Amino acid sequence: MENNFENLEQKFLFEFEKNNIDKSSTFILGISGGPDSMWLLNLMKNLNVIVACVNYNKRKDAWNDQKIVENFCSKNNIKCETLVLDKNQKYDGNFQKIARDQRYDFYQKIYNKYKASALILAHHKDDNLETYLFQKKSKRQPKNYGIANINQLLEMTIFRPMINLWFKDEILTFCNFFNIPYALDYTNFLPIYTRNKIRMELKEKTKIEKQELIDEMNFINKELEHKNLIVKDKYLNFKNSDYNYKLLDLDCEFINEILFEFLHDNIENVKVCKNKLNLFKNYIKSTKNFKHFKINNKNYVYKHHGQLKVDKI
């Protein structure tokens, strides 16, 4: 194990250089109190950072996670903004999605308050693998597998500098070796969510086996990158023609992806399955006088003088 902190810190900070992120900028850190985020916080404690911590109050010991974060920040003169949610709050629907939305809304508020350049999150190689395996189980092919190391969301730049550096076990070892305080969330290993079950499966794999899976994912992503460039080019031609569907090659290998780009570009938060895309393609192909094609309960597409148009129901 690498146990020279300066070398680890240098390796970490090099990720900022590789992604053209100025280390003198103001950063918001999403810190939960777990080992991953506390290792991240320790690596960045000497930079211009503001910590954003969310306490969902879903566990009896959740206050301890919050206390660890606040104590570390106090000791190191770091600003800490905390959101404590009502423990009696009812969550109708998917708790993980609702919790994520609450968390990112809070991050955005703090991001804007301090005019930050980036939100830094502590995702690591195991998180990347979990997402890859979760995506494969869903049998839906995304534009890219895994978690992007940098992306835009809610007008924030989100950067994950550890996503290609370390596995969870390595981070735990670092925290213990360098005496970095952290809390463990026992619910992460309860088989109540699909992602938790995947996490438990990964715990049984060796570091070599996990790296092989990451290599597999990276290889697939390289192929997808080539495909995405073709789709982007064909879609831009379609868009620049004012969506003239008569110019579309409806038998093209990537026609469903092109049609999805059209819907995604013109309908907010649209979700469509493969079957819906096939039906949409058939609607475009059809010479019958169908007035319109319903996409969801709010929107439909219709043909007008050789062009595809979107309107609200």
C-alpha atoms as a PDB file:
ATOM      1  CA  MET A   1       0.000   0.000   0.000  1.00  0.00           C
ATOM      2  CA  GLU A   2       1.159   3.531  -0.825  1.00  0.00           C
ATOM      3  CA  ASN A   3       1.552   5.173   2.593  1.00  0.00           C
ATOM      4  CA  ASN A   4       3.272   8.418   1.646  1.00  0.00           C
ATOM      5  CA  PHE A   5       0.616  11.108   1.997  1.00  0.00           C
ATOM      6  CA  GLU A   6       2.439  13.619  -0.197  1.00  0.00           C
ATOM      7  CA  ASN A   7       2.563  11.115  -3.065  1.00  0.00           C
ATOM      8  CA  LEU A   8      -1.132  10.309  -2.664  1.00  0.00           C
ATOM      9  CA  GLU A   9      -2.012  14.000  -2.515  1.00  0.00           C
ATOM     10  CA  GLN A  10       0.069  14.712  -5.621  1.00  0.00           C
ATOM     11  CA  LYS A  11      -1.627  11.864  -7.489  1.00  0.00           C
ATOM     12  CA  PHE A  12      -5.015  13.249  -6.444  1.00  0.00           C
ATOM     13  CA  LEU A  13      -4.280  16.864  -7.408  1.00  0.00           C
ATOM     14  CA  PHE A  14      -2.937  15.760 -10.787  1.00  0.00           C
ATOM     15  CA  GLU A  15      -6.530  14.797 -11.655  1.00  0.00           C
ATOM     16  CA  PHE A  16      -7.410  18.505 -11.479  1.00  0.00           C
ATOM     17  CA  GLU A  17      -4.618  19.355 -13.911  1.00  0.00           C
ATOM     18  CA  LYS A  18      -5.671  16.579 -16.310  1.00  0.00           C
ATOM     19  CA  ASN A  19      -9.190  18.016 -16.396  1.00  0.00           C
ATOM     20  CA  ASN A  20      -8.089  21.673 -16.611  1.00  0.00           C
ATOM     21  CA  ILE A  21      -9.575  22.593 -13.235  1.00  0.00           C
ATOM     22  CA  ASP A  22      -7.841  25.478 -11.483  1.00  0.00           C
ATOM     23  CA  LYS A  23      -6.875  24.359  -7.963  1.00  0.00           C
ATOM     24  CA  SER A  24      -7.061  27.963  -6.720  1.00  0.00           C
ATOM     25  CA  SER A  25     -10.812  28.079  -7.441  1.00  0.00           C
ATOM     26  CA  THR A  26     -13.601  27.910  -4.870  1.00  0.00           C
ATOM     27  CA  PHE A  27     -14.967  24.381  -4.470  1.00  0.00           C
ATOM     28  CA  ILE A  28     -18.035  22.949  -2.774  1.00  0.00           C
ATOM     29  CA  LEU A  29     -17.383  19.499  -1.276  1.00  0.00           C
ATOM     30  CA  GLY A  30     -20.264  17.065  -0.797  1.00  0.00           C
ATOM     31  CA  ILE A  31     -19.268  15.443   2.510  1.00  0.00           C
ATOM     32  CA  SER A  32     -21.342  12.814   4.332  1.00  0.00           C
ATOM     33  CA  GLY A  33     -18.941  11.729   7.073  1.00  0.00           C
ATOM     34  CA  GLY A  34     -18.227   8.356   5.465  1.00  0.00           C
ATOM     35  CA  PRO A  35     -14.643   7.238   4.717  1.00  0.00           C
ATOM     36  CA  ASP A  36     -14.762   8.214   1.025  1.00  0.00           C
ATOM     37  CA  SER A  37     -15.840  11.799   1.586  1.00  0.00           C
ATOM     38  CA  MET A  38     -13.643  12.274   4.678  1.00  0.00           C
ATOM     39  CA  TRP A  39     -10.603  11.103   2.672  1.00  0.00           C
ATOM     40  CA  LEU A  40     -11.599  13.598  -0.029  1.00  0.00           C
ATOM     41  CA  LEU A  41     -11.976  16.359   2.569  1.00  0.00           C
ATOM     42  CA  ASN A  42      -8.580  15.576   4.066  1.00  0.00           C
ATOM     43  CA  LEU A  43      -6.944  15.748   0.628  1.00  0.00           C
ATOM     44  CA  MET A  44      -8.533  19.145  -0.077  1.00  0.00           C
ATOM     45  CA  LYS A  45      -8.463  20.758   3.372  1.00  0.00           C
ATOM     46  CA  ASN A  46      -5.754  23.245   2.351  1.00  0.00           C
ATOM     47  CA  LEU A  47      -7.620  24.466  -0.742  1.00  0.00           C
ATOM     48  CA  ASN A  48     -10.413  27.036  -0.924  1.00  0.00           C
ATOM     49  CA  VAL A  49     -13.297  24.742   0.008  1.00  0.00           C
ATOM     50  CA  ILE A  50     -16.759  24.947   1.556  1.00  0.00           C
ATOM     51  CA  VAL A  51     -18.296  21.752   2.893  1.00  0.00           C
ATOM     52  CA  ALA A  52     -21.945  20.887   2.211  1.00  0.00           C
ATOM     53  CA  CYS A  53     -23.288  18.152   4.508  1.00  0.00           C
ATOM     54  CA  VAL A  54     -26.784  16.630   4.405  1.00  0.00           C
ATOM     55  CA  ASN A  55     -28.197  14.728   7.390  1.00  0.00           C
ATOM     56  CA  TYR A  56     -31.288  12.745   6.365  1.00  0.00           C
ATOM     57  CA  ASN A  57     -31.941  11.582   9.938  1.00  0.00           C
ATOM     58  CA  LYS A  58     -32.849   8.131   8.622  1.00  0.00           C
ATOM     59  CA  ARG A  59     -30.588   6.327  11.102  1.00  0.00           C
ATOM     60  CA  LYS A  60     -30.434   6.720  14.875  1.00  0.00           C
ATOM     61  CA  ASP A  61     -26.699   7.388  14.679  1.00  0.00           C
ATOM     62  CA  ALA A  62     -26.909   9.854  11.758  1.00  0.00           C
ATOM     63  CA  TRP A  63     -26.042  12.727  14.108  1.00  0.00           C
ATOM     64  CA  ASN A  64     -22.613  11.112  14.591  1.00  0.00           C
ATOM     65  CA  ASP A  65     -21.808  11.414  10.862  1.00  0.00           C
ATOM     66  CA  GLN A  66     -22.739  15.094  10.964  1.00  0.00           C
ATOM     67  CA  LYS A  67     -20.680  15.673  14.112  1.00  0.00           C
ATOM     68  CA  ILE A  68     -17.580  14.071  12.535  1.00  0.00           C
ATOM     69  CA  VAL A  69     -17.841  16.417   9.544  1.00  0.00           C
ATOM     70  CA  GLU A  70     -18.470  19.534  11.631  1.00  0.00           C
ATOM     71  CA  ASN A  71     -15.652  18.738  14.084  1.00  0.00           C
ATOM     72  CA  PHE A  72     -13.156  18.166  11.263  1.00  0.00           C
ATOM     73  CA  CYS A  73     -14.179  21.440   9.617  1.00  0.00           C
ATOM     74  CA  SER A  74     -13.938  23.340  12.901  1.00  0.00           C
ATOM     75  CA  LYS A  75     -10.477  21.920  13.593  1.00  0.00           C
ATOM     76  CA  ASN A  76      -9.240  22.863  10.107  1.00  0.00           C
ATOM     77  CA  ASN A  77     -11.008  26.253   9.805  1.00  0.00           C
ATOM     78  CA  ILE A  78     -13.240  25.103   6.943  1.00  0.00           C
ATOM     79  CA  LYS A  79     -16.683  26.607   6.336  1.00  0.00           C
ATOM     80  CA  CYS A  80     -19.398  23.990   6.761  1.00  0.00           C
ATOM     81  CA  GLU A  81     -23.011  24.310   5.616  1.00  0.00           C
ATOM     82  CA  THR A  82     -25.341  21.628   6.978  1.00  0.00           C
ATOM     83  CA  LEU A  83     -28.857  20.644   5.951  1.00  0.00           C
ATOM     84  CA  VAL A  84     -30.687  18.627   8.628  1.00  0.00           C
ATOM     85  CA  LEU A  85     -33.908  17.053   7.398  1.00  0.00           C
ATOM     86  CA  ASP A  86     -36.898  16.225   9.573  1.00  0.00           C
ATOM     87  CA  LYS A  87     -36.592  12.621  10.747  1.00  0.00           C
ATOM     88  CA  ASN A  88     -40.402  12.312  10.565  1.00  0.00           C
ATOM     89  CA  GLN A  89     -40.520  13.382   6.929  1.00  0.00           C
ATOM     90  CA  LYS A  90     -42.488  10.937   4.789  1.00  0.00           C
ATOM     91  CA  TYR A  91     -40.974   9.846   1.490  1.00  0.00           C
ATOM     92  CA  ASP A  92     -43.582   8.766  -1.051  1.00  0.00           C
ATOM     93  CA  GLY A  93     -41.927   6.819  -3.842  1.00  0.00           C
ATOM     94  CA  ASN A  94     -38.262   6.106  -4.451  1.00  0.00           C
ATOM     95  CA  PHE A  95     -36.399   7.325  -1.340  1.00  0.00           C
ATOM     96  CA  GLN A  96     -33.001   7.192  -3.034  1.00  0.00           C
ATOM     97  CA  LYS A  97     -34.157   9.436  -5.893  1.00  0.00           C
ATOM     98  CA  ILE A  98     -35.921  11.892  -3.569  1.00  0.00           C
ATOM     99  CA  ALA A  99     -32.873  12.007  -1.278  1.00  0.00           C
ATOM    100  CA  ARG A 100     -30.606  12.620  -4.270  1.00  0.00           C
ATOM    101  CA  ASP A 101     -32.816  15.488  -5.475  1.00  0.00           C
ATOM    102  CA  GLN A 102     -32.816  17.061  -1.992  1.00  0.00           C
ATOM    103  CA  ARG A 103     -29.046  16.713  -1.787  1.00  0.00           C
ATOM    104  CA  TYR A 104     -28.332  18.267  -5.172  1.00  0.00           C
ATOM    105  CA  ASP A 105     -30.802  21.112  -4.609  1.00  0.00           C
ATOM    106  CA  PHE A 106     -28.869  21.919  -1.422  1.00  0.00           C
ATOM    107  CA  TYR A 107     -25.543  21.657  -3.238  1.00  0.00           C
ATOM    108  CA  GLN A 108     -26.805  24.072  -5.888  1.00  0.00           C
ATOM    109  CA  LYS A 109     -27.892  26.586  -3.241  1.00  0.00           C
ATOM    110  CA  ILE A 110     -24.444  26.520  -1.577  1.00  0.00           C
ATOM    111  CA  TYR A 111     -22.703  26.499  -4.977  1.00  0.00           C
ATOM    112  CA  ASN A 112     -24.467  29.715  -5.978  1.00  0.00           C
ATOM    113  CA  LYS A 113     -24.040  31.316  -2.553  1.00  0.00           C
ATOM    114  CA  TYR A 114     -20.248  31.045  -2.717  1.00  0.00           C
ATOM    115  CA  LYS A 115     -19.977  31.426  -6.525  1.00  0.00           C
ATOM    116  CA  ALA A 116     -18.120  28.120  -6.705  1.00  0.00           C
ATOM    117  CA  SER A 117     -16.302  26.804  -9.766  1.00  0.00           C
ATOM    118  CA  ALA A 118     -17.066  23.132  -9.135  1.00  0.00           C
ATOM    119  CA  LEU A 119     -18.849  20.687  -6.857  1.00  0.00           C
ATOM    120  CA  ILE A 120     -16.415  17.952  -5.819  1.00  0.00           C
ATOM    121  CA  LEU A 121     -17.790  14.497  -4.970  1.00  0.00           C
ATOM    122  CA  ALA A 122     -16.077  11.445  -3.480  1.00  0.00           C
ATOM    123  CA  HIS A 123     -17.116   8.723  -5.934  1.00  0.00           C
ATOM    124  CA  HIS A 124     -14.437   6.043  -6.341  1.00  0.00           C
ATOM    125  CA  LYS A 125     -13.727   3.006  -8.519  1.00  0.00           C
ATOM    126  CA  ASP A 126     -16.228   0.759  -6.716  1.00  0.00           C
ATOM    127  CA  ASP A 127     -18.983   3.356  -7.243  1.00  0.00           C
ATOM    128  CA  ASN A 128     -18.086   3.380 -10.920  1.00  0.00           C
ATOM    129  CA  LEU A 129     -18.348  -0.416 -11.062  1.00  0.00           C
ATOM    130  CA  GLU A 130     -21.647  -0.482  -9.144  1.00  0.00           C
ATOM    131  CA  THR A 131     -23.148   1.911 -11.674  1.00  0.00           C
ATOM    132  CA  TYR A 132     -21.800  -0.141 -14.592  1.00  0.00           C
ATOM    133  CA  LEU A 133     -23.261  -3.397 -13.244  1.00  0.00           C
ATOM    134  CA  PHE A 134     -26.533  -1.667 -12.333  1.00  0.00           C
ATOM    135  CA  GLN A 135     -26.821  -0.339 -15.893  1.00  0.00           C
ATOM    136  CA  LYS A 136     -26.150  -3.797 -17.330  1.00  0.00           C
ATOM    137  CA  LYS A 137     -28.855  -5.340 -15.139  1.00  0.00           C
ATOM    138  CA  SER A 138     -31.368  -2.741 -16.345  1.00  0.00           C
ATOM    139  CA  LYS A 139     -30.651  -3.868 -19.952  1.00  0.00           C
ATOM    140  CA  ARG A 140     -30.752  -0.259 -21.143  1.00  0.00           C
ATOM    141  CA  GLN A 141     -27.737   0.953 -23.052  1.00  0.00           C
ATOM    142  CA  PRO A 142     -26.669   4.425 -21.906  1.00  0.00           C
ATOM    143  CA  LYS A 143     -24.433   6.784 -23.864  1.00  0.00           C
ATOM    144  CA  ASN A 144     -21.647   5.774 -21.496  1.00  0.00           C
ATOM    145  CA  TYR A 145     -21.370   3.145 -18.785  1.00  0.00           C
ATOM    146  CA  GLY A 146     -20.319   4.059 -15.275  1.00  0.00           C
ATOM    147  CA  ILE A 147     -20.025   7.529 -13.740  1.00  0.00           C
ATOM    148  CA  ALA A 148     -18.496  10.449 -15.610  1.00  0.00           C
ATOM    149  CA  ASN A 149     -15.517  12.009 -13.874  1.00  0.00           C
ATOM    150  CA  ILE A 150     -16.816  15.430 -14.890  1.00  0.00           C
ATOM    151  CA  ASN A 151     -20.285  16.596 -15.952  1.00  0.00           C
ATOM    152  CA  GLN A 152     -22.792  19.450 -15.733  1.00  0.00           C
ATOM    153  CA  LEU A 153     -25.954  19.367 -13.616  1.00  0.00           C
ATOM    154  CA  LEU A 154     -28.246  22.166 -12.390  1.00  0.00           C
ATOM    155  CA  GLU A 155     -25.780  24.676 -13.861  1.00  0.00           C
ATOM    156  CA  MET A 156     -22.991  23.217 -11.716  1.00  0.00           C
ATOM    157  CA  THR A 157     -19.720  21.655 -12.843  1.00  0.00           C
ATOM    158  CA  ILE A 158     -19.414  18.359 -10.983  1.00  0.00           C
ATOM    159  CA  PHE A 159     -15.978  16.779 -10.668  1.00  0.00           C
ATOM    160  CA  ARG A 160     -15.119  13.365  -9.222  1.00  0.00           C
ATOM    161  CA  PRO A 161     -11.307  13.281  -8.893  1.00  0.00           C
ATOM    162  CA  MET A 162     -11.188   9.835  -7.200  1.00  0.00           C
ATOM    163  CA  ILE A 163     -13.339   7.949  -9.717  1.00  0.00           C
ATOM    164  CA  ASN A 164     -10.302   6.491 -11.523  1.00  0.00           C
ATOM    165  CA  LEU A 165      -7.853   6.428  -8.614  1.00  0.00           C
ATOM    166  CA  TRP A 166      -8.849   4.134  -5.741  1.00  0.00           C
ATOM    167  CA  PHE A 167     -11.142   1.334  -4.659  1.00  0.00           C
ATOM    168  CA  LYS A 168     -13.183   1.547  -1.457  1.00  0.00           C
ATOM    169  CA  ASP A 169     -10.881  -0.813   0.473  1.00  0.00           C
ATOM    170  CA  GLU A 170      -7.879   1.337  -0.409  1.00  0.00           C
ATOM    171  CA  ILE A 171      -9.628   4.468   0.865  1.00  0.00           C
ATOM    172  CA  LEU A 172     -10.562   2.730   4.120  1.00  0.00           C
ATOM    173  CA  THR A 173      -6.933   1.694   4.554  1.00  0.00           C
ATOM    174  CA  PHE A 174      -5.770   5.284   3.975  1.00  0.00           C
ATOM    175  CA  CYS A 175      -8.270   6.645   6.513  1.00  0.00           C
ATOM    176  CA  ASN A 176      -7.144   4.158   9.148  1.00  0.00           C
ATOM    177  CA  PHE A 177      -3.437   4.623   8.427  1.00  0.00           C
ATOM    178  CA  PHE A 178      -3.586   8.435   8.534  1.00  0.00           C
ATOM    179  CA  ASN A 179      -6.073   8.535  11.448  1.00  0.00           C
ATOM    180  CA  ILE A 180      -8.806  10.302   9.514  1.00  0.00           C
ATOM    181  CA  PRO A 181     -12.147  10.130  11.382  1.00  0.00           C
ATOM    182  CA  TYR A 182     -15.151   8.650   9.581  1.00  0.00           C
ATOM    183  CA  ALA A 183     -18.509   6.987  10.180  1.00  0.00           C
ATOM    184  CA  LEU A 184     -19.792   3.772   8.605  1.00  0.00           C
ATOM    185  CA  ASP A 185     -23.365   3.595   7.322  1.00  0.00           C
ATOM    186  CA  TYR A 186     -24.547   0.049   8.028  1.00  0.00           C
ATOM    187  CA  THR A 187     -27.555   0.502   5.683  1.00  0.00           C
ATOM    188  CA  ASN A 188     -25.171   0.490   2.696  1.00  0.00           C
ATOM    189  CA  PHE A 189     -24.868  -3.273   3.055  1.00  0.00           C
ATOM    190  CA  LEU A 190     -28.495  -4.136   3.773  1.00  0.00           C
ATOM    191  CA  PRO A 191     -29.939  -5.986   0.741  1.00  0.00           C
ATOM    192  CA  ILE A 192     -32.854  -3.530   0.423  1.00  0.00           C
ATOM    193  CA  TYR A 193     -31.826  -1.847  -2.824  1.00  0.00           C
ATOM    194  CA  THR A 194     -30.509  -3.358  -6.070  1.00  0.00           C
ATOM    195  CA  ARG A 195     -27.397  -1.183  -5.780  1.00  0.00           C
ATOM    196  CA  ASN A 196     -26.725  -2.535  -2.278  1.00  0.00           C
ATOM    197  CA  LYS A 197     -26.949  -6.104  -3.580  1.00  0.00           C
ATOM    198  CA  ILE A 198     -24.425  -5.253  -6.301  1.00  0.00           C
ATOM    199  CA  ARG A 199     -22.192  -3.671  -3.638  1.00  0.00           C
ATOM    200  CA  MET A 200     -22.288  -6.908  -1.648  1.00  0.00           C
ATOM    201  CA  GLU A 201     -21.396  -8.920  -4.765  1.00  0.00           C
ATOM    202  CA  LEU A 202     -18.398  -6.671  -5.416  1.00  0.00           C
ATOM    203  CA  LYS A 203     -17.132  -7.174  -1.873  1.00  0.00           C
ATOM    204  CA  GLU A 204     -16.523 -10.819  -2.771  1.00  0.00           C
ATOM    205  CA  LYS A 205     -14.315  -9.920  -5.735  1.00  0.00           C
ATOM    206  CA  THR A 206     -10.564  -9.379  -5.614  1.00  0.00           C
ATOM    207  CA  LYS A 207      -8.958  -6.123  -6.661  1.00  0.00           C
ATOM    208  CA  ILE A 208      -7.720  -7.825  -9.854  1.00  0.00           C
ATOM    209  CA  GLU A 209     -11.220  -9.083 -10.713  1.00  0.00           C
ATOM    210  CA  LYS A 210     -12.681  -5.623 -10.165  1.00  0.00           C
ATOM    211  CA  GLN A 211     -10.007  -4.004 -12.307  1.00  0.00           C
ATOM    212  CA  GLU A 212     -10.825  -6.468 -15.095  1.00  0.00           C
ATOM    213  CA  LEU A 213     -14.459  -5.314 -14.939  1.00  0.00           C
ATOM    214  CA  ILE A 214     -13.344  -1.685 -15.127  1.00  0.00           C
ATOM    215  CA  ASP A 215     -11.162  -2.498 -18.152  1.00  0.00           C
ATOM    216  CA  GLU A 216     -14.174  -4.200 -19.758  1.00  0.00           C
ATOM    217  CA  MET A 217     -16.318  -1.113 -19.101  1.00  0.00           C
ATOM    218  CA  ASN A 218     -13.664   1.221 -20.518  1.00  0.00           C
ATOM    219  CA  PHE A 219     -13.395  -0.895 -23.676  1.00  0.00           C
ATOM    220  CA  ILE A 220     -17.174  -0.762 -24.212  1.00  0.00           C
ATOM    221  CA  ASN A 221     -17.162   2.987 -23.582  1.00  0.00           C
ATOM    222  CA  LYS A 222     -14.531   3.462 -26.283  1.00  0.00           C
ATOM    223  CA  GLU A 223     -16.837   1.733 -28.766  1.00  0.00           C
ATOM    224  CA  LEU A 224     -19.807   3.779 -27.553  1.00  0.00           C
ATOM    225  CA  GLU A 225     -17.797   6.969 -27.961  1.00  0.00           C
ATOM    226  CA  HIS A 226     -17.358   6.178 -31.660  1.00  0.00           C
ATOM    227  CA  LYS A 227     -21.062   5.384 -32.011  1.00  0.00           C
ATOM    228  CA  ASN A 228     -22.073   8.575 -30.180  1.00  0.00           C
ATOM    229  CA  LEU A 229     -20.033  10.697 -32.588  1.00  0.00           C
ATOM    230  CA  ILE A 230     -21.873   9.157 -35.554  1.00  0.00           C
ATOM    231  CA  VAL A 231     -25.264   9.703 -33.878  1.00  0.00           C
ATOM    232  CA  LYS A 232     -24.365  13.301 -33.016  1.00  0.00           C
ATOM    233  CA  ASP A 233     -23.329  14.047 -36.596  1.00  0.00           C
ATOM    234  CA  LYS A 234     -26.465  12.500 -38.118  1.00  0.00           C
ATOM    235  CA  TYR A 235     -28.727  14.192 -35.577  1.00  0.00           C
ATOM    236  CA  LEU A 236     -27.182  17.630 -36.232  1.00  0.00           C
ATOM    237  CA  ASN A 237     -27.831  17.178 -39.962  1.00  0.00           C
ATOM    238  CA  PHE A 238     -31.455  16.302 -39.154  1.00  0.00           C
ATOM    239  CA  LYS A 239     -31.772  19.284 -36.792  1.00  0.00           C
ATOM    240  CA  ASN A 240     -30.225  21.694 -39.300  1.00  0.00           C
ATOM    241  CA  SER A 241     -32.804  20.575 -41.870  1.00  0.00           C
ATOM    242  CA  ASP A 242     -35.528  21.833 -39.470  1.00  0.00           C
ATOM    243  CA  TYR A 243     -36.336  18.213 -38.685  1.00  0.00           C
ATOM    244  CA  ASN A 244     -37.183  17.248 -42.256  1.00  0.00           C
ATOM    245  CA  TYR A 245     -38.103  13.603 -41.686  1.00  0.00           C
ATOM    246  CA  LYS A 246     -38.015  12.866 -45.410  1.00  0.00           C
ATOM    247  CA  LEU A 247     -34.226  13.203 -45.241  1.00  0.00           C
ATOM    248  CA  LEU A 248     -33.985  10.620 -42.456  1.00  0.00           C
ATOM    249  CA  ASP A 249     -32.701   7.148 -43.237  1.00  0.00           C
ATOM    250  CA  LEU A 250     -35.228   5.253 -41.125  1.00  0.00           C
ATOM    251  CA  ASP A 251     -33.369   1.990 -41.719  1.00  0.00           C
ATOM    252  CA  CYS A 252     -30.122   3.452 -40.384  1.00  0.00           C
ATOM    253  CA  GLU A 253     -28.434   1.326 -37.697  1.00  0.00           C
ATOM    254  CA  PHE A 254     -28.683   4.168 -35.168  1.00  0.00           C
ATOM    255  CA  ILE A 255     -32.112   5.564 -36.078  1.00  0.00           C
ATOM    256  CA  ASN A 256     -33.550   4.959 -32.601  1.00  0.00           C
ATOM    257  CA  GLU A 257     -30.703   6.927 -31.040  1.00  0.00           C
ATOM    258  CA  ILE A 258     -31.252   9.793 -33.500  1.00  0.00           C
ATOM    259  CA  LEU A 259     -34.984   9.859 -32.745  1.00  0.00           C
ATOM    260  CA  PHE A 260     -34.239   9.817 -29.035  1.00  0.00           C
ATOM    261  CA  GLU A 261     -31.987  12.877 -29.475  1.00  0.00           C
ATOM    262  CA  PHE A 262     -34.857  14.625 -31.240  1.00  0.00           C
ATOM    263  CA  LEU A 263     -37.248  13.894 -28.373  1.00  0.00           C
ATOM    264  CA  HIS A 264     -34.656  14.717 -25.715  1.00  0.00           C
ATOM    265  CA  ASP A 265     -33.921  18.038 -27.421  1.00  0.00           C
ATOM    266  CA  ASN A 266     -37.567  19.061 -27.698  1.00  0.00           C
ATOM    267  CA  ILE A 267     -39.315  17.583 -24.650  1.00  0.00           C
ATOM    268  CA  GLU A 268     -38.157  18.299 -21.110  1.00  0.00           C
ATOM    269  CA  ASN A 269     -37.225  15.227 -19.020  1.00  0.00           C
ATOM    270  CA  VAL A 270     -38.575  12.864 -21.664  1.00  0.00           C
ATOM    271  CA  LYS A 271     -38.368   9.126 -21.019  1.00  0.00           C
ATOM    272  CA  VAL A 272     -38.988   6.628 -23.792  1.00  0.00           C
ATOM    273  CA  CYS A 273     -38.411   2.897 -24.058  1.00  0.00           C
ATOM    274  CA  LYS A 274     -37.158   1.002 -27.098  1.00  0.00           C
ATOM    275  CA  ASN A 275     -40.683  -0.122 -28.000  1.00  0.00           C
ATOM    276  CA  LYS A 276     -41.938   3.481 -27.977  1.00  0.00           C
ATOM    277  CA  LEU A 277     -39.073   4.525 -30.265  1.00  0.00           C
ATOM    278  CA  ASN A 278     -39.918   1.698 -32.680  1.00  0.00           C
ATOM    279  CA  LEU A 279     -43.558   2.815 -32.760  1.00  0.00           C
ATOM    280  CA  PHE A 280     -42.443   6.406 -33.320  1.00  0.00           C
ATOM    281  CA  LYS A 281     -40.259   5.267 -36.213  1.00  0.00           C
ATOM    282  CA  ASN A 282     -43.238   3.406 -37.730  1.00  0.00           C
ATOM    283  CA  TYR A 283     -45.358   6.553 -37.383  1.00  0.00           C
ATOM    284  CA  ILE A 284     -42.767   8.529 -39.375  1.00  0.00           C
ATOM    285  CA  LYS A 285     -42.554   5.772 -42.007  1.00  0.00           C
ATOM    286  CA  SER A 286     -46.312   5.482 -42.388  1.00  0.00           C
ATOM    287  CA  THR A 287     -47.985   7.101 -45.399  1.00  0.00           C
ATOM    288  CA  LYS A 288     -51.361   6.897 -43.674  1.00  0.00           C
ATOM    289  CA  ASN A 289     -52.923  10.096 -42.409  1.00  0.00           C
ATOM    290  CA  PHE A 290     -52.312   9.641 -38.682  1.00  0.00           C
ATOM    291  CA  LYS A 291     -52.757  13.075 -37.080  1.00  0.00           C
ATOM    292  CA  HIS A 292     -50.117  12.734 -34.408  1.00  0.00           C
ATOM    293  CA  PHE A 293     -48.051  10.366 -32.263  1.00  0.00           C
ATOM    294  CA  LYS A 294     -48.414  10.550 -28.479  1.00  0.00           C
ATOM    295  CA  ILE A 295     -45.058  10.547 -26.648  1.00  0.00           C
ATOM    296  CA  ASN A 296     -46.369  10.863 -23.088  1.00  0.00           C
ATOM    297  CA  ASN A 297     -49.295  12.389 -21.208  1.00  0.00           C
ATOM    298  CA  LYS A 298     -48.045  15.903 -21.940  1.00  0.00           C
ATOM    299  CA  ASN A 299     -46.587  15.863 -25.443  1.00  0.00           C
ATOM    300  CA  TYR A 300     -47.160  14.575 -28.946  1.00  0.00           C
ATOM    301  CA  VAL A 301     -45.342  14.756 -32.283  1.00  0.00           C
ATOM    302  CA  TYR A 302     -47.002  15.534 -35.595  1.00  0.00           C
ATOM    303  CA  LYS A 303     -45.974  15.914 -39.235  1.00  0.00           C
ATOM    304  CA  HIS A 304     -46.250  19.309 -40.908  1.00  0.00           C
ATOM    305  CA  HIS A 305     -45.025  20.013 -44.451  1.00  0.00           C
ATOM    306  CA  GLY A 306     -42.366  17.322 -44.245  1.00  0.00           C
ATOM    307  CA  GLN A 307     -41.178  18.349 -40.788  1.00  0.00           C
ATOM    308  CA  LEU A 308     -41.577  16.809 -37.336  1.00  0.00           C
ATOM    309  CA  LYS A 309     -43.141  19.142 -34.775  1.00  0.00           C
ATOM    310  CA  VAL A 310     -43.718  18.778 -31.042  1.00  0.00           C
ATOM    311  CA  ASP A 311     -46.730  20.147 -29.203  1.00  0.00           C
ATOM    312  CA  LYS A 312     -48.402  19.839 -25.824  1.00  0.00           C
ATOM    313  CA  ILE A 313     -51.551  17.804 -25.272  1.00  0.00           C
END
